[in-house]
Amino acid sequence: MSIILHGVAIGGGVAIGRAHLISRSMDDVAHYSLEEDELPAEIARFDEAIRTTRKELEMLWGTIPENAPAELGAFLSLHIMLLGDVTISREPREIIVAQKCNAEWALKLQSDMLIAQFEAIEEDYLRERKHDVLQVIERIFKNLDGHDAELPDADDLVEDAILVAHDLSPADMVYFKESEFAAFITDVGGATSHTAILGRSLDLPSVIALHHSRELIREDELVIVDGQQGVVIINPDDIVLAQYRRRLRAWRDARRKLSSIRKATAQTEDGTPIDILANIEGPQDIEDVRSCGAAGVGLFRSEFLFLGRDSLPSEDEQYEAYRSVLEQMKDLPVTIRTMDLGADKSPRWLNHGVAENPALGLTGIRLCLAEPLMFRVQLRALLRASVHGKLRVMFPMLNSLQELRQALALVDYAREELRDEGQPYSDAVEFGAMIEIPSAALVVGSFLKHIDFLSVGTNDLIQYTLAIDRNDDAVSHLYDPVHPAVLQLILHTIKVGTRGGVPVSVCGEMAGDPRLTRLLLGMGLRKFSMHPANVLAVKQQVLNTHLDRIASITSRMLRTEDPDRIADLLQQLNADTVG
């Protein structure tokens, strides 16, 4: 009998394969009492499990492939850091002594207490970190229990393997990175969980938050994973299987055809040139930028240099990272966003207390201006690296002209310091403003005299415009990139920038969504930046679009405030007959 499960679609296309189950559960932990004289040995056994777990994680961290997503190392570092927290490494020892119980039971009691504390947190991103704590504890438990992690041998996995797990940790991702598995599904996870982030980075068909897949699916059972619709089908019947095999062939054919346009010039059918750039997290992503044929780097998220570590990266360390990217990209432009820390990206060395609403607190440029010494180190590193390529620097989360002026004043100060020290830097560096807050979009005209370019960060712009936490499943259905208010803010930014002779790009998720490419083109956008995996799909849309033919529908979309009407017009806009 077929079973259909619905979860959260993370990405990729379609996969059909045999299930490989990964066991990760402490549900059956045994509880037994100990005598007083047995407690020292039990504590020693627990301590040894902690040491073994640390060695395993450190070994895996040292074997992260060079082409792995930057997030992988950051999440593994987080797990190593959690392992050293007293609530995990010390307090279970106290439970062993107080309750005279075995280490496994003490660890389970501590786990239950920690998870209850996380569940009580109102902020969604922080609440989801319970999964990281659970994965660290489960790895300790496996070492206590004397069993391996019960992972299938990565060398034995076939190309159509579907990994099925309650959850997949960053350590698991390292283990499987060199394997050719087809897809993965998990019972838990949310939009901001590391599983979701890594799934998108790996560009694999994946569905999370299925709740019961690990219980319902058996080893080697036939499974369909629809990473576009968020659907998993167990034991599909012949009709459904044939249907999805056609979809799988179509998806693979489409990917093959896309590779043929890698070197094609990005321009519309009427000859209008379009810049399609790539977003990266670090130097290790440049190979992906090259392979997709992007025209440069439109967003280097420099904050990933600051995450997953115990201290700030030095000026020289930052300089080397920026230099590496600029040199590898040769004469192509590289846009580096200054550190966008705070909110959901708070490194452990940053101590500004816990904000009730972190997304509305000290984040982006606000944090940089509140920590001018830290910011100046980054600006110095950027300016020093500028002699190695075509550098553009942009400031995140600007709210007002005053913030922009303060940021540029610190740039001038850094230039003056380098000049006094005899350090070379380029005078050709361009500086830009990220438009991510409605207030910035509404006063964007005041920025134009001070900057060289604008970049619209649609992820946050949508969130702040619609007052919707994009990480909260309860309101995720309200997160709408084609909401009339969102479209008007983007349109206003493009129009004001174009009139003022300042180029405008979009670097949020909207830029990488082929369904929205024609809409953005019709709004006047000529510069897109996205994850490398999306570059070719967007380029294909550009090549198949004639600007005159989409003008009328785009205009009607921008005049209506009816969401249903907008949805209908978007479907018409993407019809083959339009392009």
Protein backbone atom coordinates (compact mmCIF):
# COMPACT_ATOMS: atom_id res chain seq x y z
CA MET A 1 0.00 0.00 0.00
CA SER A 2 1.27 3.46 -0.89
CA ILE A 3 1.70 6.09 1.81
CA ILE A 4 1.99 9.81 1.08
CA LEU A 5 3.74 12.13 3.56
CA HIS A 6 3.80 15.90 3.44
CA GLY A 7 6.62 18.00 4.83
CA VAL A 8 8.66 21.14 4.15
CA ALA A 9 10.17 21.29 0.66
CA ILE A 10 13.84 22.26 0.87
CA GLY A 11 14.98 22.06 -2.72
CA GLY A 12 16.25 20.12 -5.63
CA GLY A 13 13.91 18.30 -7.97
CA VAL A 14 12.72 14.71 -7.87
CA ALA A 15 14.44 11.52 -6.67
CA ILE A 16 13.32 7.91 -6.86
CA GLY A 17 15.32 5.35 -4.92
CA ARG A 18 15.71 2.82 -2.15
CA ALA A 19 15.54 3.88 1.48
CA HIS A 20 18.62 3.72 3.71
CA LEU A 21 17.59 4.22 7.32
CA ILE A 22 19.70 6.08 9.84
CA SER A 23 18.96 5.36 13.49
CA ARG A 24 19.04 8.26 15.91
CA SER A 25 16.90 7.65 19.02
CA MET A 26 17.18 7.61 22.79
CA ASP A 27 13.59 6.51 23.34
CA ASP A 28 14.57 3.14 24.75
CA VAL A 29 17.19 4.22 27.26
CA ALA A 30 17.49 1.78 30.15
CA HIS A 31 17.39 2.98 33.77
CA TYR A 32 19.15 1.11 36.54
CA SER A 33 20.42 1.97 40.02
CA LEU A 34 24.04 1.86 41.14
CA GLU A 35 25.76 1.29 44.44
CA GLU A 36 27.87 4.04 45.97
CA ASP A 37 31.12 2.34 45.09
CA GLU A 38 30.07 1.99 41.44
CA LEU A 39 29.60 5.72 40.87
CA PRO A 40 33.27 6.69 40.17
CA ALA A 41 33.49 4.10 37.38
CA GLU A 42 30.19 5.30 35.91
CA ILE A 43 31.38 8.91 35.92
CA ALA A 44 34.62 7.82 34.27
CA ARG A 45 32.59 6.01 31.60
CA PHE A 46 30.61 9.19 30.95
CA ASP A 47 33.79 11.30 30.74
CA GLU A 48 35.29 8.85 28.27
CA ALA A 49 32.18 9.10 26.08
CA ILE A 50 32.57 12.90 26.08
CA ARG A 51 36.25 12.61 25.06
CA THR A 52 35.43 10.11 22.30
CA THR A 53 32.65 12.31 20.97
CA ARG A 54 34.94 15.33 20.89
CA LYS A 55 37.60 13.36 18.99
CA GLU A 56 35.01 12.20 16.46
CA LEU A 57 33.69 15.70 15.82
CA GLU A 58 37.16 17.23 15.59
CA MET A 59 38.24 14.48 13.19
CA LEU A 60 35.17 15.09 11.01
CA TRP A 61 35.76 18.86 11.12
CA GLY A 62 39.28 18.24 9.82
CA THR A 63 37.99 16.15 6.92
CA ILE A 64 35.40 18.58 5.56
CA PRO A 65 35.78 18.54 1.76
CA GLU A 66 37.04 21.78 0.21
CA ASN A 67 33.89 22.08 -1.89
CA ALA A 68 31.54 21.67 1.08
CA PRO A 69 29.20 24.56 1.94
CA ALA A 70 30.69 27.04 4.42
CA GLU A 71 27.76 26.40 6.76
CA LEU A 72 28.94 22.82 7.28
CA GLY A 73 32.07 23.86 9.16
CA ALA A 74 30.18 26.49 11.12
CA PHE A 75 27.58 24.00 12.33
CA LEU A 76 30.20 21.38 13.22
CA SER A 77 32.08 24.01 15.22
CA LEU A 78 28.84 24.80 17.01
CA HIS A 79 28.45 21.12 17.97
CA ILE A 80 32.02 21.00 19.29
CA MET A 81 31.31 24.12 21.31
CA LEU A 82 28.05 22.66 22.69
CA LEU A 83 29.93 19.54 23.75
CA GLY A 84 32.00 21.67 26.11
CA ASP A 85 29.01 23.36 27.72
CA VAL A 86 28.59 22.46 31.40
CA THR A 87 24.93 21.53 30.86
CA ILE A 88 26.08 18.67 28.64
CA SER A 89 29.57 17.77 29.84
CA ARG A 90 29.23 18.30 33.63
CA GLU A 91 25.65 18.32 34.87
CA PRO A 92 24.87 14.70 33.86
CA ARG A 93 27.75 13.68 36.19
CA GLU A 94 25.92 15.39 39.05
CA ILE A 95 22.72 13.53 38.16
CA ILE A 96 24.64 10.22 38.25
CA VAL A 97 25.78 10.99 41.80
CA ALA A 98 22.51 12.48 43.03
CA GLN A 99 20.26 9.73 41.69
CA LYS A 100 22.82 6.89 41.76
CA CYS A 101 21.83 6.02 38.19
CA ASN A 102 23.56 4.92 35.01
CA ALA A 103 25.08 7.53 32.71
CA GLU A 104 22.60 6.87 29.89
CA TRP A 105 19.66 7.67 32.14
CA ALA A 106 21.36 10.77 33.52
CA LEU A 107 22.01 11.97 29.98
CA LYS A 108 18.38 11.37 29.01
CA LEU A 109 17.09 13.30 32.04
CA GLN A 110 19.41 16.20 31.23
CA SER A 111 18.33 16.07 27.58
CA ASP A 112 14.65 16.22 28.50
CA MET A 113 15.30 19.22 30.75
CA LEU A 114 17.27 21.11 28.08
CA ILE A 115 14.70 20.43 25.36
CA ALA A 116 11.92 21.70 27.65
CA GLN A 117 13.90 24.91 28.16
CA PHE A 118 14.34 25.36 24.41
CA GLU A 119 10.65 24.73 23.80
CA ALA A 120 9.84 27.59 26.17
CA ILE A 121 11.82 30.08 24.07
CA GLU A 122 9.54 32.28 22.00
CA GLU A 123 12.08 33.23 19.30
CA ASP A 124 11.80 30.59 16.57
CA TYR A 125 15.42 30.50 15.41
CA LEU A 126 16.71 29.97 18.95
CA ARG A 127 14.03 27.37 19.70
CA GLU A 128 15.14 25.34 16.67
CA ARG A 129 18.64 25.07 18.12
CA LYS A 130 17.27 22.28 20.31
CA HIS A 131 18.01 19.99 17.36
CA ASP A 132 21.71 20.82 17.61
CA VAL A 133 21.70 20.00 21.32
CA LEU A 134 19.86 16.73 20.67
CA GLN A 135 22.33 15.64 18.00
CA VAL A 136 25.31 16.24 20.28
CA ILE A 137 23.64 14.32 23.11
CA GLU A 138 22.69 11.45 20.81
CA ARG A 139 26.31 11.12 19.66
CA ILE A 140 27.43 10.95 23.30
CA PHE A 141 24.76 8.34 23.95
CA LYS A 142 25.98 6.17 21.07
CA ASN A 143 29.48 6.25 22.53
CA LEU A 144 28.15 5.45 25.99
CA ASP A 145 26.15 2.58 24.59
CA GLY A 146 29.20 1.18 22.84
CA HIS A 147 27.52 1.21 19.44
CA ASP A 148 28.53 2.93 16.24
CA ALA A 149 26.32 5.70 14.93
CA GLU A 150 24.41 3.09 12.88
CA LEU A 151 25.07 4.90 9.64
CA PRO A 152 25.14 2.90 6.43
CA ASP A 153 28.61 2.62 4.98
CA ALA A 154 29.04 5.65 2.72
CA ASP A 155 31.02 3.53 0.25
CA ASP A 156 28.09 1.11 -0.06
CA LEU A 157 25.54 3.76 -0.97
CA VAL A 158 24.29 3.61 -4.54
CA GLU A 159 23.39 6.65 -6.60
CA ASP A 160 19.66 6.30 -5.97
CA ALA A 161 19.98 5.97 -2.17
CA ILE A 162 17.42 7.97 -0.18
CA LEU A 163 18.71 8.77 3.31
CA VAL A 164 15.89 8.54 5.88
CA ALA A 165 16.56 9.91 9.36
CA HIS A 166 14.90 11.41 12.36
CA ASP A 167 17.42 14.18 11.80
CA LEU A 168 20.77 14.57 10.03
CA SER A 169 23.60 16.27 11.84
CA PRO A 170 26.44 18.25 10.26
CA ALA A 171 28.71 15.34 11.18
CA ASP A 172 26.48 13.04 9.11
CA MET A 173 26.69 15.48 6.21
CA VAL A 174 30.50 15.34 6.33
CA TYR A 175 30.33 11.55 6.43
CA PHE A 176 28.11 11.39 3.35
CA LYS A 177 29.51 14.37 1.42
CA GLU A 178 31.65 12.23 -0.88
CA SER A 179 28.82 9.75 -1.54
CA GLU A 180 26.46 9.95 -4.49
CA PHE A 181 23.16 9.61 -2.65
CA ALA A 182 20.09 10.93 -4.43
CA ALA A 183 18.09 12.66 -1.71
CA PHE A 184 17.42 12.86 2.02
CA ILE A 185 14.36 13.22 4.21
CA THR A 186 14.02 13.86 7.95
CA ASP A 187 11.27 13.85 10.55
CA VAL A 188 12.31 17.11 12.19
CA GLY A 189 13.72 20.46 11.16
CA GLY A 190 12.43 23.89 10.28
CA ALA A 191 13.12 26.54 7.68
CA THR A 192 16.20 27.76 9.58
CA SER A 193 17.48 24.42 10.85
CA HIS A 194 20.97 23.46 9.77
CA THR A 195 19.43 20.51 7.89
CA ALA A 196 17.42 22.89 5.72
CA ILE A 197 20.35 25.24 5.18
CA LEU A 198 22.70 22.41 4.22
CA GLY A 199 20.06 20.78 2.01
CA ARG A 200 19.69 23.97 0.00
CA SER A 201 23.47 24.34 -0.24
CA LEU A 202 23.91 20.77 -1.51
CA ASP A 203 21.12 21.27 -4.10
CA LEU A 204 19.64 17.83 -3.42
CA PRO A 205 15.99 16.81 -3.48
CA SER A 206 15.07 16.97 0.18
CA VAL A 207 12.01 17.19 2.41
CA ILE A 208 12.08 17.79 6.17
CA ALA A 209 9.56 17.97 9.04
CA LEU A 210 7.84 14.75 7.95
CA HIS A 211 7.34 13.67 11.60
CA HIS A 212 6.89 9.91 11.06
CA SER A 213 8.99 8.92 8.04
CA ARG A 214 11.56 7.08 10.16
CA GLU A 215 8.80 4.92 11.66
CA LEU A 216 6.89 4.29 8.43
CA ILE A 217 9.68 3.61 5.96
CA ARG A 218 11.54 0.31 5.96
CA GLU A 219 15.06 -0.41 4.79
CA ASP A 220 15.36 -0.76 0.98
CA GLU A 221 11.75 0.30 0.44
CA LEU A 222 11.02 2.22 -2.77
CA VAL A 223 10.57 5.94 -2.06
CA ILE A 224 9.83 9.02 -4.16
CA VAL A 225 11.10 12.38 -2.88
CA ASP A 226 9.55 15.47 -4.43
CA GLY A 227 11.76 18.31 -3.25
CA GLN A 228 9.67 20.88 -5.07
CA GLN A 229 6.26 20.05 -3.58
CA GLY A 230 7.43 18.73 -0.19
CA VAL A 231 5.93 15.29 -0.82
CA VAL A 232 7.32 11.82 -0.03
CA ILE A 233 5.62 8.72 -1.44
CA ILE A 234 6.35 5.30 0.08
CA ASN A 235 5.78 2.24 -2.12
CA PRO A 236 4.22 4.16 -5.01
CA ASP A 237 1.83 2.25 -7.26
CA ASP A 238 2.68 1.70 -10.90
CA ILE A 239 0.74 4.73 -12.16
CA VAL A 240 2.34 7.17 -9.71
CA LEU A 241 5.76 5.63 -10.25
CA ALA A 242 5.45 6.03 -14.02
CA GLN A 243 4.30 9.62 -13.53
CA TYR A 244 7.29 10.49 -11.35
CA ARG A 245 9.73 8.67 -13.63
CA ARG A 246 8.58 10.99 -16.40
CA ARG A 247 9.04 13.96 -14.09
CA LEU A 248 12.48 12.71 -13.08
CA ARG A 249 13.53 12.31 -16.73
CA ALA A 250 12.19 15.78 -17.52
CA TRP A 251 14.04 17.25 -14.54
CA ARG A 252 17.31 15.58 -15.53
CA ASP A 253 16.86 16.60 -19.19
CA ALA A 254 16.20 20.17 -18.08
CA ARG A 255 19.38 20.18 -15.99
CA ARG A 256 21.39 18.82 -18.92
CA LYS A 257 19.97 21.46 -21.26
CA LEU A 258 20.76 24.15 -18.74
CA SER A 259 24.43 23.17 -18.78
CA SER A 260 24.53 23.93 -22.51
CA ILE A 261 23.81 27.64 -21.87
CA ARG A 262 26.56 28.06 -19.28
CA LYS A 263 28.75 30.08 -21.64
CA ALA A 264 25.89 31.88 -23.38
CA THR A 265 25.73 35.65 -22.99
CA ALA A 266 22.92 36.59 -20.62
CA GLN A 267 20.64 38.80 -22.63
CA THR A 268 16.94 38.94 -23.42
CA GLU A 269 15.52 38.04 -26.83
CA ASP A 270 15.49 41.72 -27.75
CA GLY A 271 19.21 42.03 -26.93
CA THR A 272 19.10 43.68 -23.50
CA PRO A 273 22.16 42.57 -21.47
CA ILE A 274 21.48 41.18 -17.99
CA ASP A 275 24.07 40.59 -15.26
CA ILE A 276 23.61 37.27 -13.44
CA LEU A 277 25.92 36.95 -10.45
CA ALA A 278 26.35 34.40 -7.66
CA ASN A 279 26.09 34.51 -3.87
CA ILE A 280 28.86 32.86 -1.83
CA GLU A 281 29.85 32.27 1.80
CA GLY A 282 33.61 32.04 1.32
CA PRO A 283 36.57 31.30 -0.99
CA GLN A 284 35.65 27.61 -1.14
CA ASP A 285 32.52 28.49 -3.17
CA ILE A 286 34.37 30.03 -6.12
CA GLU A 287 34.49 26.76 -8.04
CA ASP A 288 30.67 26.70 -8.00
CA VAL A 289 30.61 30.28 -9.31
CA ARG A 290 32.91 29.32 -12.16
CA SER A 291 31.03 26.14 -13.05
CA CYS A 292 27.68 27.92 -13.38
CA GLY A 293 29.12 30.70 -15.55
CA ALA A 294 28.11 33.58 -13.28
CA ALA A 295 29.31 37.05 -14.27
CA GLY A 296 30.84 37.67 -10.86
CA VAL A 297 30.04 37.55 -7.16
CA GLY A 298 27.01 39.64 -6.26
CA LEU A 299 27.03 38.79 -2.55
CA PHE A 300 29.89 37.46 -0.43
CA ARG A 301 28.37 36.90 3.01
CA SER A 302 31.44 37.83 5.02
CA GLU A 303 29.77 37.02 8.36
CA PHE A 304 30.53 33.33 7.79
CA LEU A 305 34.18 34.17 8.49
CA PHE A 306 33.09 35.17 12.00
CA LEU A 307 30.85 32.21 12.89
CA GLY A 308 31.72 28.87 14.47
CA ARG A 309 34.82 30.11 16.28
CA ASP A 310 35.87 31.28 19.73
CA SER A 311 37.33 34.66 18.72
CA LEU A 312 37.27 37.31 16.04
CA PRO A 313 39.18 36.62 12.82
CA SER A 314 42.24 38.83 12.62
CA GLU A 315 42.71 41.52 10.00
CA ASP A 316 45.26 39.37 8.18
CA GLU A 317 42.93 36.34 8.21
CA GLN A 318 40.11 38.39 6.73
CA TYR A 319 42.44 39.97 4.19
CA GLU A 320 43.56 36.54 2.97
CA ALA A 321 39.96 35.38 2.49
CA TYR A 322 38.98 38.50 0.55
CA ARG A 323 42.20 38.43 -1.49
CA SER A 324 41.64 34.78 -2.39
CA VAL A 325 38.16 35.46 -3.78
CA LEU A 326 39.25 38.55 -5.71
CA GLU A 327 42.23 36.80 -7.27
CA GLN A 328 40.21 33.74 -8.23
CA MET A 329 37.55 35.90 -9.88
CA LYS A 330 40.26 37.80 -11.81
CA ASP A 331 38.65 40.84 -13.50
CA LEU A 332 35.06 39.94 -12.59
CA PRO A 333 33.33 42.04 -9.91
CA VAL A 334 33.17 40.79 -6.32
CA THR A 335 30.62 42.39 -3.98
CA ILE A 336 31.39 41.76 -0.32
CA ARG A 337 28.75 42.51 2.28
CA THR A 338 30.22 43.74 5.53
CA MET A 339 29.48 41.42 8.44
CA ASP A 340 25.76 40.96 8.87
CA LEU A 341 25.89 39.60 12.42
CA GLY A 342 23.29 39.62 15.17
CA ALA A 343 19.72 38.23 15.14
CA ASP A 344 20.05 34.62 13.88
CA LYS A 345 23.81 34.86 13.29
CA SER A 346 25.30 35.63 16.68
CA PRO A 347 28.79 34.18 17.28
CA ARG A 348 29.52 32.94 20.78
CA TRP A 349 32.17 35.63 21.41
CA LEU A 350 29.61 38.39 20.78
CA ASN A 351 28.11 39.39 24.12
CA HIS A 352 25.33 41.93 23.76
CA GLY A 353 22.80 40.10 25.90
CA VAL A 354 19.63 38.35 24.72
CA ALA A 355 17.24 40.62 22.84
CA GLU A 356 13.51 40.02 23.08
CA ASN A 357 13.21 40.64 19.33
CA PRO A 358 16.65 39.96 17.88
CA ALA A 359 15.57 40.61 14.28
CA LEU A 360 14.61 44.13 15.40
CA GLY A 361 17.68 44.64 17.57
CA LEU A 362 21.41 45.14 17.18
CA THR A 363 22.08 43.59 13.80
CA GLY A 364 23.70 44.40 10.46
CA ILE A 365 25.15 47.88 10.18
CA ARG A 366 23.77 48.77 13.64
CA LEU A 367 26.06 46.23 15.25
CA CYS A 368 29.01 47.38 13.13
CA LEU A 369 28.51 50.99 14.21
CA ALA A 370 28.10 49.89 17.83
CA GLU A 371 31.43 48.02 17.57
CA PRO A 372 33.57 50.49 15.53
CA LEU A 373 36.90 48.82 16.38
CA MET A 374 35.68 45.45 15.10
CA PHE A 375 34.18 47.12 12.02
CA ARG A 376 37.34 49.09 11.27
CA VAL A 377 39.38 45.87 11.25
CA GLN A 378 37.11 44.47 8.55
CA LEU A 379 37.21 47.69 6.53
CA ARG A 380 41.01 47.74 6.66
CA ALA A 381 41.14 44.12 5.48
CA LEU A 382 38.73 44.88 2.64
CA LEU A 383 40.66 47.94 1.50
CA ARG A 384 43.97 46.06 1.61
CA ALA A 385 42.47 43.27 -0.51
CA SER A 386 41.08 45.75 -3.04
CA VAL A 387 44.38 45.87 -4.96
CA HIS A 388 43.83 42.24 -6.01
CA GLY A 389 40.64 42.63 -8.01
CA LYS A 390 37.41 44.48 -8.72
CA LEU A 391 36.00 45.01 -5.24
CA ARG A 392 32.59 46.37 -4.31
CA VAL A 393 31.56 46.72 -0.66
CA MET A 394 27.98 47.01 0.59
CA PHE A 395 26.50 47.78 3.98
CA PRO A 396 23.60 45.62 5.29
CA MET A 397 20.40 46.64 7.07
CA LEU A 398 20.74 50.38 6.53
CA ASN A 399 17.84 52.33 7.98
CA SER A 400 18.76 55.93 7.26
CA LEU A 401 21.18 58.30 5.57
CA GLN A 402 22.78 58.95 8.96
CA GLU A 403 23.86 55.30 9.26
CA LEU A 404 25.27 55.37 5.73
CA ARG A 405 27.27 58.52 6.49
CA GLN A 406 28.67 56.97 9.67
CA ALA A 407 29.73 53.83 7.80
CA LEU A 408 31.43 55.84 5.05
CA ALA A 409 33.18 57.98 7.68
CA LEU A 410 34.70 54.81 9.14
CA VAL A 411 35.82 53.84 5.63
CA ASP A 412 37.60 57.19 5.33
CA TYR A 413 39.23 56.65 8.71
CA ALA A 414 40.46 53.19 7.67
CA ARG A 415 41.86 54.65 4.42
CA GLU A 416 43.71 57.30 6.38
CA GLU A 417 45.22 54.70 8.71
CA LEU A 418 46.42 52.57 5.81
CA ARG A 419 47.84 55.61 4.04
CA ASP A 420 49.80 56.62 7.14
CA GLU A 421 51.15 53.05 7.43
CA GLY A 422 52.14 52.89 3.79
CA GLN A 423 49.68 50.04 3.11
CA PRO A 424 48.45 49.96 -0.51
CA TYR A 425 44.76 50.03 -1.35
CA SER A 426 42.69 50.81 -4.44
CA ASP A 427 40.79 54.06 -4.92
CA ALA A 428 38.45 52.27 -7.34
CA VAL A 429 36.47 50.41 -4.65
CA GLU A 430 32.74 50.95 -5.07
CA PHE A 431 30.42 51.23 -2.09
CA GLY A 432 26.75 50.32 -1.98
CA ALA A 433 23.69 50.19 0.24
CA MET A 434 21.50 47.16 0.91
CA ILE A 435 17.79 47.92 0.90
CA GLU A 436 16.23 45.47 3.36
CA ILE A 437 14.01 47.71 5.50
CA PRO A 438 10.91 49.56 4.22
CA SER A 439 12.20 52.86 5.64
CA ALA A 440 15.39 52.55 3.57
CA ALA A 441 13.38 51.79 0.42
CA LEU A 442 11.18 54.84 0.98
CA VAL A 443 14.13 57.24 1.43
CA VAL A 444 16.47 55.52 -1.02
CA GLY A 445 16.80 58.74 -3.02
CA SER A 446 18.79 60.29 -0.19
CA PHE A 447 21.44 57.56 -0.52
CA LEU A 448 22.23 58.11 -4.19
CA LYS A 449 24.79 60.92 -3.87
CA HIS A 450 26.85 58.84 -1.45
CA ILE A 451 26.97 55.40 -3.08
CA ASP A 452 27.86 53.62 -6.33
CA PHE A 453 25.16 50.91 -6.32
CA LEU A 454 22.07 49.55 -4.55
CA SER A 455 21.23 45.94 -3.70
CA VAL A 456 17.75 44.84 -2.60
CA GLY A 457 17.81 42.08 0.04
CA THR A 458 14.34 40.71 -0.56
CA ASN A 459 14.38 38.08 2.22
CA ASP A 460 14.40 40.67 4.98
CA LEU A 461 12.50 43.29 3.01
CA ILE A 462 9.53 40.91 2.75
CA GLN A 463 9.81 39.96 6.41
CA TYR A 464 9.89 43.54 7.68
CA THR A 465 7.28 44.83 5.23
CA LEU A 466 4.73 42.14 6.06
CA ALA A 467 5.62 41.85 9.79
CA ILE A 468 6.11 38.09 9.33
CA ASP A 469 8.84 35.98 10.87
CA ARG A 470 9.94 33.97 7.83
CA ASN A 471 11.24 31.24 10.17
CA ASP A 472 7.89 30.70 11.90
CA ASP A 473 5.91 27.82 10.37
CA ALA A 474 2.71 29.20 11.88
CA VAL A 475 2.80 32.26 9.59
CA SER A 476 5.04 31.01 6.78
CA HIS A 477 2.04 30.86 4.41
CA LEU A 478 1.80 34.65 4.72
CA TYR A 479 5.37 35.18 3.54
CA ASP A 480 4.60 36.45 0.04
CA PRO A 481 7.26 37.80 -2.36
CA VAL A 482 4.56 39.11 -4.73
CA HIS A 483 2.54 40.93 -2.09
CA PRO A 484 1.57 44.30 -3.63
CA ALA A 485 3.39 46.24 -0.91
CA VAL A 486 6.60 44.29 -1.46
CA LEU A 487 6.43 44.78 -5.24
CA GLN A 488 5.87 48.52 -4.82
CA LEU A 489 8.91 48.90 -2.57
CA ILE A 490 11.12 46.98 -4.99
CA LEU A 491 9.73 48.92 -7.96
CA HIS A 492 10.30 52.23 -6.19
CA THR A 493 13.92 51.30 -5.42
CA ILE A 494 14.62 50.24 -9.02
CA LYS A 495 13.00 53.38 -10.47
CA VAL A 496 14.77 55.80 -8.13
CA GLY A 497 18.14 54.12 -8.65
CA THR A 498 17.75 53.99 -12.43
CA ARG A 499 16.72 57.65 -12.63
CA GLY A 500 19.71 58.60 -10.51
CA GLY A 501 22.16 56.58 -12.60
CA VAL A 502 22.84 54.12 -9.76
CA PRO A 503 22.62 50.43 -10.74
CA VAL A 504 20.25 48.25 -8.70
CA SER A 505 20.53 44.50 -8.07
CA VAL A 506 18.41 41.98 -6.18
CA CYS A 507 20.36 39.46 -4.08
CA GLY A 508 17.61 37.76 -2.06
CA GLU A 509 15.75 34.53 -2.79
CA MET A 510 13.51 36.31 -5.31
CA ALA A 511 16.48 36.76 -7.64
CA GLY A 512 17.06 33.00 -7.82
CA ASP A 513 13.42 32.04 -8.40
CA PRO A 514 12.86 31.50 -12.16
CA ARG A 515 9.12 32.03 -11.67
CA LEU A 516 9.85 35.66 -10.75
CA THR A 517 12.56 36.40 -13.33
CA ARG A 518 10.23 37.88 -15.94
CA LEU A 519 8.41 39.93 -13.33
CA LEU A 520 11.67 41.46 -12.09
CA LEU A 521 12.83 42.08 -15.67
CA GLY A 522 9.53 43.83 -16.39
CA MET A 523 10.07 45.98 -13.28
CA GLY A 524 13.34 47.20 -14.77
CA LEU A 525 15.81 44.97 -12.93
CA ARG A 526 18.97 44.28 -14.94
CA LYS A 527 21.21 42.72 -12.27
CA PHE A 528 20.45 39.50 -10.37
CA SER A 529 22.51 37.68 -7.71
CA MET A 530 21.66 34.20 -6.40
CA HIS A 531 22.93 30.84 -5.20
CA PRO A 532 25.13 29.30 -7.94
CA ALA A 533 22.69 26.37 -8.26
CA ASN A 534 20.00 28.76 -9.58
CA VAL A 535 22.09 30.72 -12.09
CA LEU A 536 21.39 28.60 -15.17
CA ALA A 537 17.64 28.31 -14.57
CA VAL A 538 17.35 32.10 -14.27
CA LYS A 539 19.59 32.60 -17.32
CA GLN A 540 17.29 30.34 -19.33
CA GLN A 541 14.32 32.54 -18.41
CA VAL A 542 16.27 35.65 -19.41
CA LEU A 543 17.20 34.15 -22.80
CA ASN A 544 13.54 33.25 -23.45
CA THR A 545 12.10 36.64 -22.54
CA HIS A 546 11.30 39.58 -24.84
CA LEU A 547 10.87 42.73 -22.75
CA ASP A 548 8.23 44.28 -25.03
CA ARG A 549 6.05 41.18 -24.77
CA ILE A 550 6.00 41.13 -20.95
CA ALA A 551 5.49 44.88 -20.44
CA SER A 552 1.70 44.83 -20.52
CA ILE A 553 1.21 41.96 -18.06
CA THR A 554 3.89 43.30 -15.71
CA SER A 555 2.23 46.70 -15.71
CA ARG A 556 -1.13 45.15 -14.83
CA MET A 557 0.46 43.14 -12.00
CA LEU A 558 1.98 46.28 -10.51
CA ARG A 559 -1.32 48.16 -10.66
CA THR A 560 -3.43 45.56 -8.86
CA GLU A 561 -3.73 45.02 -5.12
CA ASP A 562 -5.69 41.75 -5.44
CA PRO A 563 -3.44 38.77 -4.52
CA ASP A 564 -5.52 36.31 -6.57
CA ARG A 565 -5.31 38.56 -9.61
CA ILE A 566 -1.55 38.88 -9.17
CA ALA A 567 -1.23 35.07 -9.02
CA ASP A 568 -3.24 34.70 -12.25
CA LEU A 569 -1.18 37.35 -14.03
CA LEU A 570 2.07 35.76 -12.86
CA GLN A 571 0.95 32.48 -14.39
CA GLN A 572 0.19 34.28 -17.67
CA LEU A 573 3.54 36.06 -17.51
CA ASN A 574 5.37 32.74 -17.34
CA ALA A 575 3.36 31.09 -20.11
CA ASP A 576 5.58 29.96 -22.99
CA THR A 577 3.65 32.11 -25.46
CA VAL A 578 4.75 35.28 -23.68
CA GLY A 579 8.48 34.68 -24.08
